[in-house]
Amino acid sequence: AIMALLFGVPWWTLVGAPAWPAAVLVAGTVVFAVAFVALPTTRMLGHGRRRGDAEAALGDALLGAMWVLFVWSLLGQVLGLGLLL
């Protein structure tokens, strides 16, 4: 559920809600889907038993980037609702 929120809110804000052409919608969805799979994979490989430095750095960077996208997307949605009132 947390991963769905972490990736779903930015996906909706950047890809789903705007009236993008179908090709952009598909490409954006593929990018988010790859990141959705890559985040837990790189975190497990980087912080698991094998502890790969490159995997840990990639997983941590991906988590940080998604967190920033999530927060700014959520703020944008909340402020957008405020402007409608």
Protein backbone atom coordinates (compact mmCIF):
# COMPACT_ATOMS: atom_id res chain seq x y z
CA ALA A 1 0.00 0.00 0.00
CA ILE A 2 2.86 2.38 0.79
CA MET A 3 4.56 1.69 -2.54
CA ALA A 4 1.27 2.26 -4.36
CA LEU A 5 0.92 5.67 -2.69
CA LEU A 6 4.58 6.57 -3.16
CA PHE A 7 4.38 5.89 -6.89
CA GLY A 8 0.67 6.44 -7.52
CA VAL A 9 0.40 10.07 -6.44
CA PRO A 10 3.29 11.29 -8.65
CA TRP A 11 2.09 9.10 -11.52
CA TRP A 12 -1.38 10.60 -11.33
CA THR A 13 -0.05 14.17 -11.05
CA LEU A 14 2.53 13.91 -13.83
CA VAL A 15 1.13 11.27 -16.19
CA GLY A 16 -2.45 10.24 -15.46
CA ALA A 17 -4.33 13.48 -14.83
CA PRO A 18 -2.93 15.73 -17.61
CA ALA A 19 -4.37 15.21 -21.06
CA TRP A 20 -1.22 13.73 -22.58
CA PRO A 21 -1.27 11.90 -25.91
CA ALA A 22 -1.49 8.11 -25.64
CA ALA A 23 2.21 7.61 -26.44
CA VAL A 24 3.28 9.88 -23.57
CA LEU A 25 0.82 8.18 -21.22
CA VAL A 26 2.23 4.75 -22.09
CA ALA A 27 5.87 5.90 -21.86
CA GLY A 28 5.31 7.59 -18.51
CA THR A 29 3.49 4.55 -17.17
CA VAL A 30 6.34 2.28 -18.27
CA VAL A 31 8.91 4.53 -16.56
CA PHE A 32 6.93 4.48 -13.31
CA ALA A 33 6.40 0.70 -13.55
CA VAL A 34 10.12 0.07 -14.03
CA ALA A 35 10.91 2.32 -11.07
CA PHE A 36 8.21 0.54 -9.01
CA VAL A 37 9.97 -2.79 -9.58
CA ALA A 38 13.51 -1.38 -9.35
CA LEU A 39 13.08 0.31 -5.97
CA PRO A 40 12.57 -2.78 -3.77
CA THR A 41 14.93 -4.83 -5.93
CA THR A 42 17.85 -2.42 -5.62
CA ARG A 43 17.15 -1.83 -1.94
CA MET A 44 17.21 -5.59 -1.23
CA LEU A 45 20.35 -6.14 -3.30
CA GLY A 46 22.11 -3.14 -1.77
CA HIS A 47 21.12 -3.63 1.85
CA GLY A 48 20.69 -7.42 1.95
CA ARG A 49 23.27 -10.11 2.56
CA ARG A 50 25.45 -9.25 -0.45
CA ARG A 51 25.44 -5.50 0.25
CA GLY A 52 26.40 -4.14 -3.16
CA ASP A 53 27.49 -0.51 -3.02
CA ALA A 54 26.18 0.37 -6.48
CA GLU A 55 22.81 -1.23 -5.80
CA ALA A 56 22.54 0.49 -2.42
CA ALA A 57 23.36 3.88 -3.94
CA LEU A 58 20.88 3.37 -6.79
CA GLY A 59 18.14 2.19 -4.43
CA ASP A 60 18.70 5.06 -2.02
CA ALA A 61 18.76 7.62 -4.85
CA LEU A 62 15.58 6.17 -6.33
CA LEU A 63 13.85 6.27 -2.95
CA GLY A 64 14.92 9.89 -2.45
CA ALA A 65 13.77 10.91 -5.92
CA MET A 66 10.40 9.23 -5.48
CA TRP A 67 9.97 10.82 -2.07
CA VAL A 68 10.60 14.29 -3.54
CA LEU A 69 8.17 13.59 -6.40
CA PHE A 70 5.57 12.31 -3.92
CA VAL A 71 5.81 15.33 -1.61
CA TRP A 72 5.73 17.91 -4.40
CA SER A 73 2.89 16.12 -6.17
CA LEU A 74 0.87 15.93 -2.97
CA LEU A 75 1.51 19.61 -2.21
CA GLY A 76 0.49 20.54 -5.74
CA GLN A 77 -2.74 18.56 -5.47
CA VAL A 78 -3.62 20.08 -2.08
CA LEU A 79 -2.84 23.62 -3.24
CA GLY A 80 -4.82 23.01 -6.43
CA LEU A 81 -7.83 22.02 -4.33
CA GLY A 82 -7.36 25.18 -2.29
CA LEU A 83 -7.45 27.30 -5.44
CA LEU A 84 -10.74 25.71 -6.49
CA LEU A 85 -12.41 26.85 -3.27
